[in-house]
Amino acid sequence: MKYFIIVLVASVIIHGSLSIDSLRFLVIGDMGGMDIEPYTTYFQRCTAQEMGKIGDLYSPQFIVELGDNFYMDGVDNVHDKRFNLTFESTYTATSLQVPWYLVAGNHDHRGNVTAQILYSQYSKRWNFPSFYYYQEFSIGTGNQTLGIVFVDTVLLCGNVSDTSDQPPNEPENKEAANQQWEFIENALKKSRASYLFVAGHYPIYSTATHGPTKCLVDRLQPMLDMYRANGYFAGHDHNLQHLRIKSISGGNIDYFVSGMANTVDPFSFNEGSVPAGSSLFHYGYFLSKGGFLYAEATNANITMIFIDGNGKQLYSTIVFPRKL
């Protein structure tokens, strides 16, 4: 299996009017519905509805989905009914008919991830070209860009059992994992994007139930630091989080968890497992009806806003361009 592909695309706030000199996108995780009828959850439908409302107002150019696309055991084949019932028929707003860029989560790896990749040939908006890949987006009409390295954290670190709440132990195929590590480092090293992020399912740092992922803390976090990446998007924990850690270059690396598109986990069992003072925001309120991240990138900065399934703005922060 060839695991990667490099793609280059061109692209166009909550606080103000639309600008042709901004790039707007949504980040969600763990949207995977359920494996019995109606194959969605109430929180997923509420979150999808609010995503549509925000989309109708602010016209996102694309959407990032951070894995666990189908609960509990992924899909069987490219014609699996879950593609329609959990995805196509749930995210129906006109404003959500934009490119979606996806990665696989641990639940997807219980099924057929290759089928999810092949589904890109059947859906106008489902973009899952390979297990890992690099995507670059233009910001408005200028020369600024945003780059995202999409990674498969299950292939990197191993799969997990929901019943144990234990972290991944080791990758099933160490050679494939090493090939992906090489790809990630090369993508980060070569990228000259104004803003640079990595997106994967497992968090590097998390204060919630699953906590930090040692495999990623040991190998991915140093790469973010070395190559002056802005941050990392993750799901897996079913809440919304922002952590910020100083980098060796003197700047910041921002860690966003957006895993609340389908269900909510309020717990913060791992507050003591992250660097002191790094946790700036943690939200997992049961009555929130889910949630997601809205982002708007300009030449000056990226505004990141967490929104719940009731449409309430919960938290915002600013990320500045890389210093290359």
C-alpha atoms as a PDB file:
ATOM      1  CA  MET A   1       0.000   0.000   0.000  1.00  0.00           C
ATOM      2  CA  LYS A   2       1.345   3.407  -0.961  1.00  0.00           C
ATOM      3  CA  TYR A   3       0.676   5.527   2.100  1.00  0.00           C
ATOM      4  CA  PHE A   4       1.139   9.134   1.012  1.00  0.00           C
ATOM      5  CA  ILE A   5       0.536  11.837  -1.570  1.00  0.00           C
ATOM      6  CA  ILE A   6       1.431  15.538  -1.730  1.00  0.00           C
ATOM      7  CA  VAL A   7      -1.256  17.954  -2.935  1.00  0.00           C
ATOM      8  CA  LEU A   8      -1.295  21.735  -3.550  1.00  0.00           C
ATOM      9  CA  VAL A   9      -4.567  23.641  -3.774  1.00  0.00           C
ATOM     10  CA  ALA A  10      -5.598  27.284  -4.089  1.00  0.00           C
ATOM     11  CA  SER A  11      -8.285  28.911  -1.948  1.00  0.00           C
ATOM     12  CA  VAL A  12     -10.805  32.748  -0.416  1.00  0.00           C
ATOM     13  CA  ILE A  13     -15.630  36.050  11.355  1.00  0.00           C
ATOM     14  CA  ILE A  14     -17.238  35.413  13.771  1.00  0.00           C
ATOM     15  CA  HIS A  15     -16.089  38.959  14.573  1.00  0.00           C
ATOM     16  CA  GLY A  16     -16.761  40.719  11.301  1.00  0.00           C
ATOM     17  CA  SER A  17     -17.517  40.707   7.603  1.00  0.00           C
ATOM     18  CA  LEU A  18     -16.177  38.265   5.040  1.00  0.00           C
ATOM     19  CA  SER A  19     -12.839  39.107   3.477  1.00  0.00           C
ATOM     20  CA  ILE A  20     -11.387  37.829   0.217  1.00  0.00           C
ATOM     21  CA  ASP A  21      -8.009  38.067   1.935  1.00  0.00           C
ATOM     22  CA  SER A  22      -8.771  35.377   4.501  1.00  0.00           C
ATOM     23  CA  LEU A  23      -8.931  31.593   4.560  1.00  0.00           C
ATOM     24  CA  ARG A  24     -11.722  30.116   6.663  1.00  0.00           C
ATOM     25  CA  PHE A  25     -12.128  26.512   7.743  1.00  0.00           C
ATOM     26  CA  LEU A  26     -13.734  24.233  10.352  1.00  0.00           C
ATOM     27  CA  VAL A  27     -11.987  21.543  12.393  1.00  0.00           C
ATOM     28  CA  ILE A  28     -13.980  18.647  13.858  1.00  0.00           C
ATOM     29  CA  GLY A  29     -13.095  15.241  15.234  1.00  0.00           C
ATOM     30  CA  ASP A  30     -14.749  11.939  16.099  1.00  0.00           C
ATOM     31  CA  MET A  31     -17.856  12.583  14.018  1.00  0.00           C
ATOM     32  CA  GLY A  32     -18.491   8.852  13.617  1.00  0.00           C
ATOM     33  CA  GLY A  33     -22.163   8.486  14.589  1.00  0.00           C
ATOM     34  CA  MET A  34     -23.103   5.005  15.815  1.00  0.00           C
ATOM     35  CA  ASP A  35     -23.244   1.531  14.306  1.00  0.00           C
ATOM     36  CA  ILE A  36     -26.976   1.003  14.819  1.00  0.00           C
ATOM     37  CA  GLU A  37     -29.912   2.945  13.394  1.00  0.00           C
ATOM     38  CA  PRO A  38     -30.125   5.865  12.806  1.00  0.00           C
ATOM     39  CA  TYR A  39     -26.300   5.667  12.471  1.00  0.00           C
ATOM     40  CA  THR A  40     -25.936   9.175  13.883  1.00  0.00           C
ATOM     41  CA  THR A  41     -26.227  10.645  17.377  1.00  0.00           C
ATOM     42  CA  TYR A  42     -28.238  13.579  18.627  1.00  0.00           C
ATOM     43  CA  PHE A  43     -25.041  15.497  19.429  1.00  0.00           C
ATOM     44  CA  GLN A  44     -23.677  14.807  15.943  1.00  0.00           C
ATOM     45  CA  ARG A  45     -26.821  16.194  14.335  1.00  0.00           C
ATOM     46  CA  CYS A  46     -26.783  19.265  16.607  1.00  0.00           C
ATOM     47  CA  THR A  47     -23.130  19.922  15.825  1.00  0.00           C
ATOM     48  CA  ALA A  48     -23.730  19.452  12.099  1.00  0.00           C
ATOM     49  CA  GLN A  49     -26.605  21.938  12.252  1.00  0.00           C
ATOM     50  CA  GLU A  50     -24.479  24.572  13.991  1.00  0.00           C
ATOM     51  CA  MET A  51     -21.609  23.958  11.582  1.00  0.00           C
ATOM     52  CA  GLY A  52     -24.067  24.675   8.796  1.00  0.00           C
ATOM     53  CA  LYS A  53     -25.206  27.909  10.417  1.00  0.00           C
ATOM     54  CA  ILE A  54     -21.639  29.122  10.885  1.00  0.00           C
ATOM     55  CA  GLY A  55     -20.871  27.979   7.367  1.00  0.00           C
ATOM     56  CA  ASP A  56     -23.831  29.873   5.919  1.00  0.00           C
ATOM     57  CA  LEU A  57     -22.559  33.061   7.578  1.00  0.00           C
ATOM     58  CA  TYR A  58     -18.819  32.733   6.995  1.00  0.00           C
ATOM     59  CA  SER A  59     -18.362  30.406   4.006  1.00  0.00           C
ATOM     60  CA  PRO A  60     -15.525  28.076   5.033  1.00  0.00           C
ATOM     61  CA  GLN A  61     -13.313  26.921   2.186  1.00  0.00           C
ATOM     62  CA  PHE A  62     -12.720  23.485   3.672  1.00  0.00           C
ATOM     63  CA  ILE A  63     -13.301  21.242   6.699  1.00  0.00           C
ATOM     64  CA  VAL A  64     -10.805  19.074   8.582  1.00  0.00           C
ATOM     65  CA  GLU A  65     -12.004  15.814  10.195  1.00  0.00           C
ATOM     66  CA  LEU A  66      -9.610  14.296  12.711  1.00  0.00           C
ATOM     67  CA  GLY A  67     -10.522  10.612  12.612  1.00  0.00           C
ATOM     68  CA  ASP A  68     -12.965   8.136  14.105  1.00  0.00           C
ATOM     69  CA  ASN A  69     -15.083   8.908  11.088  1.00  0.00           C
ATOM     70  CA  PHE A  70     -17.306   5.857  11.690  1.00  0.00           C
ATOM     71  CA  TYR A  71     -18.069   4.250  15.056  1.00  0.00           C
ATOM     72  CA  MET A  72     -17.575   1.604  16.250  1.00  0.00           C
ATOM     73  CA  ASP A  73     -15.711  -0.443  13.651  1.00  0.00           C
ATOM     74  CA  GLY A  74     -15.157   1.756  10.618  1.00  0.00           C
ATOM     75  CA  VAL A  75     -16.614   0.691   7.273  1.00  0.00           C
ATOM     76  CA  ASP A  76     -16.532  -2.622   5.418  1.00  0.00           C
ATOM     77  CA  ASN A  77     -16.141  -1.423   1.833  1.00  0.00           C
ATOM     78  CA  VAL A  78     -16.410   1.625  -0.396  1.00  0.00           C
ATOM     79  CA  HIS A  79     -20.162   1.059  -0.839  1.00  0.00           C
ATOM     80  CA  ASP A  80     -20.898   0.808   2.904  1.00  0.00           C
ATOM     81  CA  LYS A  81     -24.181   2.543   3.774  1.00  0.00           C
ATOM     82  CA  ARG A  82     -22.427   4.409   6.571  1.00  0.00           C
ATOM     83  CA  PHE A  83     -20.892   6.852   4.083  1.00  0.00           C
ATOM     84  CA  ASN A  84     -24.374   8.077   3.276  1.00  0.00           C
ATOM     85  CA  LEU A  85     -26.148   7.686   6.611  1.00  0.00           C
ATOM     86  CA  THR A  86     -23.410   8.966   8.935  1.00  0.00           C
ATOM     87  CA  PHE A  87     -21.765  11.515   6.624  1.00  0.00           C
ATOM     88  CA  GLU A  88     -23.521  12.614   3.434  1.00  0.00           C
ATOM     89  CA  SER A  89     -27.044  12.732   4.906  1.00  0.00           C
ATOM     90  CA  THR A  90     -25.907  14.385   8.140  1.00  0.00           C
ATOM     91  CA  TYR A  91     -23.780  17.307   6.909  1.00  0.00           C
ATOM     92  CA  THR A  92     -26.340  18.604   4.430  1.00  0.00           C
ATOM     93  CA  ALA A  93     -26.029  22.406   4.656  1.00  0.00           C
ATOM     94  CA  THR A  94     -25.027  24.016   1.381  1.00  0.00           C
ATOM     95  CA  SER A  95     -22.065  25.674   3.090  1.00  0.00           C
ATOM     96  CA  LEU A  96     -20.710  22.256   4.128  1.00  0.00           C
ATOM     97  CA  GLN A  97     -20.523  21.052   0.516  1.00  0.00           C
ATOM     98  CA  VAL A  98     -16.867  22.040   0.414  1.00  0.00           C
ATOM     99  CA  PRO A  99     -13.739  19.859   0.443  1.00  0.00           C
ATOM    100  CA  TRP A 100     -13.347  17.758   3.584  1.00  0.00           C
ATOM    101  CA  TYR A 101      -9.840  16.543   4.439  1.00  0.00           C
ATOM    102  CA  LEU A 102      -9.753  13.462   6.648  1.00  0.00           C
ATOM    103  CA  VAL A 103      -7.471  11.158   8.594  1.00  0.00           C
ATOM    104  CA  ALA A 104      -8.187   7.786  10.178  1.00  0.00           C
ATOM    105  CA  GLY A 105      -8.729   7.146  13.879  1.00  0.00           C
ATOM    106  CA  ASN A 106      -8.475   3.997  15.957  1.00  0.00           C
ATOM    107  CA  HIS A 107     -12.102   3.048  15.284  1.00  0.00           C
ATOM    108  CA  ASP A 108     -11.580   3.446  11.538  1.00  0.00           C
ATOM    109  CA  HIS A 109      -8.685   1.002  11.741  1.00  0.00           C
ATOM    110  CA  ARG A 110     -11.033  -1.648  13.112  1.00  0.00           C
ATOM    111  CA  GLY A 111     -12.577  -1.604   9.658  1.00  0.00           C
ATOM    112  CA  ASN A 112     -11.339  -0.899   6.144  1.00  0.00           C
ATOM    113  CA  VAL A 113      -9.414   2.389   5.976  1.00  0.00           C
ATOM    114  CA  THR A 114      -8.531   1.730   2.337  1.00  0.00           C
ATOM    115  CA  ALA A 115     -12.264   1.842   1.577  1.00  0.00           C
ATOM    116  CA  GLN A 116     -12.415   5.305   3.142  1.00  0.00           C
ATOM    117  CA  ILE A 117      -9.523   6.390   0.936  1.00  0.00           C
ATOM    118  CA  LEU A 118     -11.215   4.971  -2.163  1.00  0.00           C
ATOM    119  CA  TYR A 119     -14.463   6.753  -1.275  1.00  0.00           C
ATOM    120  CA  SER A 120     -12.687   9.948  -2.382  1.00  0.00           C
ATOM    121  CA  GLN A 121     -13.472   8.759  -5.941  1.00  0.00           C
ATOM    122  CA  TYR A 122     -17.207   8.633  -5.214  1.00  0.00           C
ATOM    123  CA  SER A 123     -17.827  11.818  -3.211  1.00  0.00           C
ATOM    124  CA  LYS A 124     -17.307  15.367  -4.455  1.00  0.00           C
ATOM    125  CA  ARG A 125     -16.258  16.592  -1.014  1.00  0.00           C
ATOM    126  CA  TRP A 126     -14.560  13.609   0.670  1.00  0.00           C
ATOM    127  CA  ASN A 127     -10.793  14.093   0.265  1.00  0.00           C
ATOM    128  CA  PHE A 128      -8.793  11.269   1.811  1.00  0.00           C
ATOM    129  CA  PRO A 129      -6.032  10.657  -0.753  1.00  0.00           C
ATOM    130  CA  SER A 130      -3.843   8.398   1.364  1.00  0.00           C
ATOM    131  CA  PHE A 131      -3.074   7.355   4.919  1.00  0.00           C
ATOM    132  CA  TYR A 132      -0.961  10.494   5.257  1.00  0.00           C
ATOM    133  CA  TYR A 133      -0.424  13.501   3.002  1.00  0.00           C
ATOM    134  CA  TYR A 134       0.439  17.209   2.864  1.00  0.00           C
ATOM    135  CA  GLN A 135      -2.016  19.898   1.803  1.00  0.00           C
ATOM    136  CA  GLU A 136      -1.326  23.597   1.253  1.00  0.00           C
ATOM    137  CA  PHE A 137      -3.912  26.377   0.988  1.00  0.00           C
ATOM    138  CA  SER A 138      -3.545  29.955  -0.261  1.00  0.00           C
ATOM    139  CA  ILE A 139      -4.676  32.738   2.062  1.00  0.00           C
ATOM    140  CA  GLY A 140      -6.678  35.203   0.002  1.00  0.00           C
ATOM    141  CA  THR A 141      -5.051  36.672  -3.078  1.00  0.00           C
ATOM    142  CA  GLY A 142      -1.528  37.128  -1.706  1.00  0.00           C
ATOM    143  CA  ASN A 143       1.465  34.868  -1.291  1.00  0.00           C
ATOM    144  CA  GLN A 144       0.725  33.668   2.250  1.00  0.00           C
ATOM    145  CA  THR A 145      -0.190  30.010   2.707  1.00  0.00           C
ATOM    146  CA  LEU A 146      -1.347  27.548   5.348  1.00  0.00           C
ATOM    147  CA  GLY A 147       0.106  24.043   5.264  1.00  0.00           C
ATOM    148  CA  ILE A 148      -1.270  20.976   7.037  1.00  0.00           C
ATOM    149  CA  VAL A 149       0.480  17.612   7.342  1.00  0.00           C
ATOM    150  CA  PHE A 150      -2.265  15.010   7.759  1.00  0.00           C
ATOM    151  CA  VAL A 151      -0.985  11.932   9.600  1.00  0.00           C
ATOM    152  CA  ASP A 152      -2.180   8.490  10.657  1.00  0.00           C
ATOM    153  CA  THR A 153      -1.396   8.258  14.355  1.00  0.00           C
ATOM    154  CA  VAL A 154      -2.578   4.648  14.565  1.00  0.00           C
ATOM    155  CA  LEU A 155       0.036   3.566  12.032  1.00  0.00           C
ATOM    156  CA  LEU A 156       2.606   5.644  13.934  1.00  0.00           C
ATOM    157  CA  CYS A 157       1.800   4.535  17.467  1.00  0.00           C
ATOM    158  CA  GLY A 158      -0.530   1.532  17.437  1.00  0.00           C
ATOM    159  CA  ASN A 159      -4.205   0.935  18.088  1.00  0.00           C
ATOM    160  CA  VAL A 160      -6.018   1.187  21.412  1.00  0.00           C
ATOM    161  CA  SER A 161      -8.917  -0.470  23.215  1.00  0.00           C
ATOM    162  CA  ASP A 162     -11.739   1.734  24.438  1.00  0.00           C
ATOM    163  CA  THR A 163     -12.373  -0.605  27.332  1.00  0.00           C
ATOM    164  CA  SER A 164      -8.905  -0.153  28.807  1.00  0.00           C
ATOM    165  CA  ASP A 165      -8.330   3.594  28.274  1.00  0.00           C
ATOM    166  CA  GLN A 166      -4.668   2.695  27.852  1.00  0.00           C
ATOM    167  CA  PRO A 167      -2.377   4.586  25.483  1.00  0.00           C
ATOM    168  CA  PRO A 168      -1.165   2.910  22.286  1.00  0.00           C
ATOM    169  CA  ASN A 169       1.719   0.535  22.869  1.00  0.00           C
ATOM    170  CA  GLU A 170       3.612   0.295  19.586  1.00  0.00           C
ATOM    171  CA  PRO A 171       2.864   0.292  15.853  1.00  0.00           C
ATOM    172  CA  GLU A 172       1.812  -2.972  14.269  1.00  0.00           C
ATOM    173  CA  ASN A 173       4.161  -2.384  11.330  1.00  0.00           C
ATOM    174  CA  LYS A 174       7.343  -0.626  12.454  1.00  0.00           C
ATOM    175  CA  GLU A 175       8.688  -0.282   8.923  1.00  0.00           C
ATOM    176  CA  ALA A 176       5.503   1.474   7.776  1.00  0.00           C
ATOM    177  CA  ALA A 177       5.634   3.691  10.864  1.00  0.00           C
ATOM    178  CA  ASN A 178       9.226   4.675  10.112  1.00  0.00           C
ATOM    179  CA  GLN A 179       8.316   5.490   6.505  1.00  0.00           C
ATOM    180  CA  GLN A 180       5.602   7.792   7.761  1.00  0.00           C
ATOM    181  CA  TRP A 181       7.930   9.448  10.282  1.00  0.00           C
ATOM    182  CA  GLU A 182      10.327  10.140   7.424  1.00  0.00           C
ATOM    183  CA  PHE A 183       7.514  11.638   5.350  1.00  0.00           C
ATOM    184  CA  ILE A 184       6.376  13.859   8.226  1.00  0.00           C
ATOM    185  CA  GLU A 185       9.859  15.172   8.888  1.00  0.00           C
ATOM    186  CA  ASN A 186      10.470  15.872   5.203  1.00  0.00           C
ATOM    187  CA  ALA A 187       7.122  17.657   4.843  1.00  0.00           C
ATOM    188  CA  LEU A 188       7.781  19.839   7.883  1.00  0.00           C
ATOM    189  CA  LYS A 189      11.353  20.540   6.795  1.00  0.00           C
ATOM    190  CA  LYS A 190      10.448  21.506   3.223  1.00  0.00           C
ATOM    191  CA  SER A 191       7.297  23.515   3.924  1.00  0.00           C
ATOM    192  CA  ARG A 192       7.634  27.274   3.572  1.00  0.00           C
ATOM    193  CA  ALA A 193       3.992  27.864   4.507  1.00  0.00           C
ATOM    194  CA  SER A 194       3.246  30.987   6.536  1.00  0.00           C
ATOM    195  CA  TYR A 195       1.338  28.799   8.990  1.00  0.00           C
ATOM    196  CA  LEU A 196       2.146  25.116   9.469  1.00  0.00           C
ATOM    197  CA  PHE A 197       0.132  22.520  11.379  1.00  0.00           C
ATOM    198  CA  VAL A 198      -0.014  18.755  11.742  1.00  0.00           C
ATOM    199  CA  ALA A 199      -3.414  17.050  12.018  1.00  0.00           C
ATOM    200  CA  GLY A 200      -3.878  13.580  13.501  1.00  0.00           C
ATOM    201  CA  HIS A 201      -6.282  11.573  15.612  1.00  0.00           C
ATOM    202  CA  TYR A 202      -4.364  10.957  18.839  1.00  0.00           C
ATOM    203  CA  PRO A 203      -3.437  14.116  20.764  1.00  0.00           C
ATOM    204  CA  ILE A 204       0.155  14.930  21.560  1.00  0.00           C
ATOM    205  CA  TYR A 205      -0.951  16.607  24.781  1.00  0.00           C
ATOM    206  CA  SER A 206      -4.378  16.316  26.403  1.00  0.00           C
ATOM    207  CA  THR A 207      -5.743  16.920  29.881  1.00  0.00           C
ATOM    208  CA  ALA A 208      -8.720  14.641  29.263  1.00  0.00           C
ATOM    209  CA  THR A 209      -9.419  10.919  29.609  1.00  0.00           C
ATOM    210  CA  HIS A 210      -6.782   9.617  27.187  1.00  0.00           C
ATOM    211  CA  GLY A 211      -4.122  12.121  28.151  1.00  0.00           C
ATOM    212  CA  PRO A 212      -0.848  12.683  26.267  1.00  0.00           C
ATOM    213  CA  THR A 213       0.295  10.151  23.670  1.00  0.00           C
ATOM    214  CA  LYS A 214       3.877   9.229  24.599  1.00  0.00           C
ATOM    215  CA  CYS A 215       4.769   8.082  21.104  1.00  0.00           C
ATOM    216  CA  LEU A 216       3.880  11.532  19.752  1.00  0.00           C
ATOM    217  CA  VAL A 217       5.394  13.439  22.667  1.00  0.00           C
ATOM    218  CA  ASP A 218       8.669  11.601  22.071  1.00  0.00           C
ATOM    219  CA  ARG A 219       8.877  11.901  18.276  1.00  0.00           C
ATOM    220  CA  LEU A 220       6.364  14.369  16.797  1.00  0.00           C
ATOM    221  CA  GLN A 221       6.578  17.177  19.332  1.00  0.00           C
ATOM    222  CA  PRO A 222      10.343  17.628  18.789  1.00  0.00           C
ATOM    223  CA  MET A 223       9.718  17.874  15.030  1.00  0.00           C
ATOM    224  CA  LEU A 224       7.134  20.612  15.545  1.00  0.00           C
ATOM    225  CA  ASP A 225       9.709  22.419  17.631  1.00  0.00           C
ATOM    226  CA  MET A 226      12.642  21.924  15.281  1.00  0.00           C
ATOM    227  CA  TYR A 227      10.792  23.017  12.135  1.00  0.00           C
ATOM    228  CA  ARG A 228       8.915  25.896  13.779  1.00  0.00           C
ATOM    229  CA  ALA A 229       5.418  24.536  13.195  1.00  0.00           C
ATOM    230  CA  ASN A 230       2.529  26.523  14.633  1.00  0.00           C
ATOM    231  CA  GLY A 231       0.724  23.604  16.176  1.00  0.00           C
ATOM    232  CA  TYR A 232      -1.223  20.371  16.093  1.00  0.00           C
ATOM    233  CA  PHE A 233      -4.906  19.471  15.668  1.00  0.00           C
ATOM    234  CA  ALA A 234      -6.222  16.276  17.315  1.00  0.00           C
ATOM    235  CA  GLY A 235      -9.385  14.467  18.325  1.00  0.00           C
ATOM    236  CA  HIS A 236      -9.708  11.166  20.267  1.00  0.00           C
ATOM    237  CA  ASP A 237     -10.695  12.899  23.516  1.00  0.00           C
ATOM    238  CA  HIS A 238     -14.312  13.964  23.157  1.00  0.00           C
ATOM    239  CA  ASN A 239     -14.014  17.554  24.289  1.00  0.00           C
ATOM    240  CA  LEU A 240     -12.477  20.872  23.245  1.00  0.00           C
ATOM    241  CA  GLN A 241      -9.021  21.907  24.443  1.00  0.00           C
ATOM    242  CA  HIS A 242      -6.265  24.423  23.850  1.00  0.00           C
ATOM    243  CA  LEU A 243      -2.769  23.957  25.234  1.00  0.00           C
ATOM    244  CA  ARG A 244       0.206  26.224  24.513  1.00  0.00           C
ATOM    245  CA  ILE A 245       3.835  25.294  25.129  1.00  0.00           C
ATOM    246  CA  LYS A 246       6.956  27.379  24.599  1.00  0.00           C
ATOM    247  CA  SER A 247       9.207  26.189  21.787  1.00  0.00           C
ATOM    248  CA  ILE A 248      12.981  26.087  21.741  1.00  0.00           C
ATOM    249  CA  SER A 249      12.920  28.942  19.216  1.00  0.00           C
ATOM    250  CA  GLY A 250      11.235  31.190  21.766  1.00  0.00           C
ATOM    251  CA  GLY A 251       7.793  31.085  20.177  1.00  0.00           C
ATOM    252  CA  ASN A 252       4.751  28.957  20.984  1.00  0.00           C
ATOM    253  CA  ILE A 253       3.371  25.645  19.787  1.00  0.00           C
ATOM    254  CA  ASP A 254      -0.424  25.473  20.051  1.00  0.00           C
ATOM    255  CA  TYR A 255      -2.205  22.161  20.614  1.00  0.00           C
ATOM    256  CA  PHE A 256      -5.922  22.048  19.773  1.00  0.00           C
ATOM    257  CA  VAL A 257      -8.194  19.114  20.609  1.00  0.00           C
ATOM    258  CA  SER A 258     -11.507  19.175  18.733  1.00  0.00           C
ATOM    259  CA  GLY A 259     -13.055  15.766  19.309  1.00  0.00           C
ATOM    260  CA  MET A 260     -16.608  16.699  20.279  1.00  0.00           C
ATOM    261  CA  ALA A 261     -18.498  16.331  16.986  1.00  0.00           C
ATOM    262  CA  ASN A 262     -20.492  13.274  18.063  1.00  0.00           C
ATOM    263  CA  THR A 263     -20.357  12.799  21.834  1.00  0.00           C
ATOM    264  CA  VAL A 264     -19.017  14.616  24.899  1.00  0.00           C
ATOM    265  CA  ASP A 265     -16.546  13.572  27.611  1.00  0.00           C
ATOM    266  CA  PRO A 266     -16.369  16.118  30.468  1.00  0.00           C
ATOM    267  CA  PHE A 267     -13.494  14.574  32.385  1.00  0.00           C
ATOM    268  CA  SER A 268     -10.026  16.080  32.806  1.00  0.00           C
ATOM    269  CA  PHE A 269      -8.201  13.208  34.483  1.00  0.00           C
ATOM    270  CA  ASN A 270      -4.814  14.166  33.034  1.00  0.00           C
ATOM    271  CA  GLU A 271      -4.404  17.775  34.079  1.00  0.00           C
ATOM    272  CA  GLY A 272      -1.231  16.753  35.887  1.00  0.00           C
ATOM    273  CA  SER A 273       0.162  14.911  32.857  1.00  0.00           C
ATOM    274  CA  VAL A 274       0.816  17.974  30.704  1.00  0.00           C
ATOM    275  CA  PRO A 275       3.483  20.670  31.176  1.00  0.00           C
ATOM    276  CA  ALA A 276       2.621  23.054  34.007  1.00  0.00           C
ATOM    277  CA  GLY A 277       0.684  26.080  32.842  1.00  0.00           C
ATOM    278  CA  SER A 278       0.136  24.733  29.329  1.00  0.00           C
ATOM    279  CA  SER A 279      -3.616  24.082  29.564  1.00  0.00           C
ATOM    280  CA  LEU A 280      -5.472  27.266  28.621  1.00  0.00           C
ATOM    281  CA  PHE A 281      -8.923  25.836  27.864  1.00  0.00           C
ATOM    282  CA  HIS A 282     -10.817  22.593  28.468  1.00  0.00           C
ATOM    283  CA  TYR A 283     -14.526  22.160  27.783  1.00  0.00           C
ATOM    284  CA  GLY A 284     -16.760  19.092  27.838  1.00  0.00           C
ATOM    285  CA  TYR A 285     -20.207  20.044  29.108  1.00  0.00           C
ATOM    286  CA  PHE A 286     -22.892  17.398  28.508  1.00  0.00           C
ATOM    287  CA  LEU A 287     -25.578  19.962  27.637  1.00  0.00           C
ATOM    288  CA  SER A 288     -23.368  21.572  25.009  1.00  0.00           C
ATOM    289  CA  LYS A 289     -24.649  19.188  22.294  1.00  0.00           C
ATOM    290  CA  GLY A 290     -21.167  18.750  20.842  1.00  0.00           C
ATOM    291  CA  GLY A 291     -18.802  21.300  19.375  1.00  0.00           C
ATOM    292  CA  PHE A 292     -16.160  22.246  16.805  1.00  0.00           C
ATOM    293  CA  LEU A 293     -13.406  24.727  15.936  1.00  0.00           C
ATOM    294  CA  TYR A 294     -13.807  27.620  13.508  1.00  0.00           C
ATOM    295  CA  ALA A 295     -10.635  29.228  12.136  1.00  0.00           C
ATOM    296  CA  GLU A 296      -9.932  32.275  10.000  1.00  0.00           C
ATOM    297  CA  ALA A 297      -6.428  32.870   8.664  1.00  0.00           C
ATOM    298  CA  THR A 298      -5.199  36.223   7.386  1.00  0.00           C
ATOM    299  CA  ASN A 299      -1.732  37.501   6.586  1.00  0.00           C
ATOM    300  CA  ALA A 300      -1.533  38.838  10.158  1.00  0.00           C
ATOM    301  CA  ASN A 301      -2.810  35.899  12.245  1.00  0.00           C
ATOM    302  CA  ILE A 302      -5.227  33.005  12.614  1.00  0.00           C
ATOM    303  CA  THR A 303      -8.228  33.430  14.881  1.00  0.00           C
ATOM    304  CA  MET A 304      -9.311  30.107  16.428  1.00  0.00           C
ATOM    305  CA  ILE A 305     -12.790  29.937  17.982  1.00  0.00           C
ATOM    306  CA  PHE A 306     -14.393  26.988  19.773  1.00  0.00           C
ATOM    307  CA  ILE A 307     -18.192  26.798  19.303  1.00  0.00           C
ATOM    308  CA  ASP A 308     -20.592  24.338  20.947  1.00  0.00           C
ATOM    309  CA  GLY A 309     -23.576  22.506  19.486  1.00  0.00           C
ATOM    310  CA  ASN A 310     -25.877  25.249  20.732  1.00  0.00           C
ATOM    311  CA  GLY A 311     -23.993  27.837  18.668  1.00  0.00           C
ATOM    312  CA  LYS A 312     -22.325  29.449  21.688  1.00  0.00           C
ATOM    313  CA  GLN A 313     -18.816  30.838  21.265  1.00  0.00           C
ATOM    314  CA  LEU A 314     -16.811  29.327  24.107  1.00  0.00           C
ATOM    315  CA  TYR A 315     -13.233  30.497  23.653  1.00  0.00           C
ATOM    316  CA  SER A 316     -10.957  32.206  21.155  1.00  0.00           C
ATOM    317  CA  THR A 317      -7.237  32.646  20.675  1.00  0.00           C
ATOM    318  CA  ILE A 318      -4.786  34.016  18.115  1.00  0.00           C
ATOM    319  CA  VAL A 319      -1.933  32.233  16.341  1.00  0.00           C
ATOM    320  CA  PHE A 320       0.727  34.280  14.550  1.00  0.00           C
ATOM    321  CA  PRO A 321       2.719  33.374  11.412  1.00  0.00           C
ATOM    322  CA  ARG A 322       5.878  31.312  11.656  1.00  0.00           C
ATOM    323  CA  LYS A 323       9.250  33.004  11.902  1.00  0.00           C
ATOM    324  CA  LEU A 324      11.303  31.269   9.236  1.00  0.00           C
END
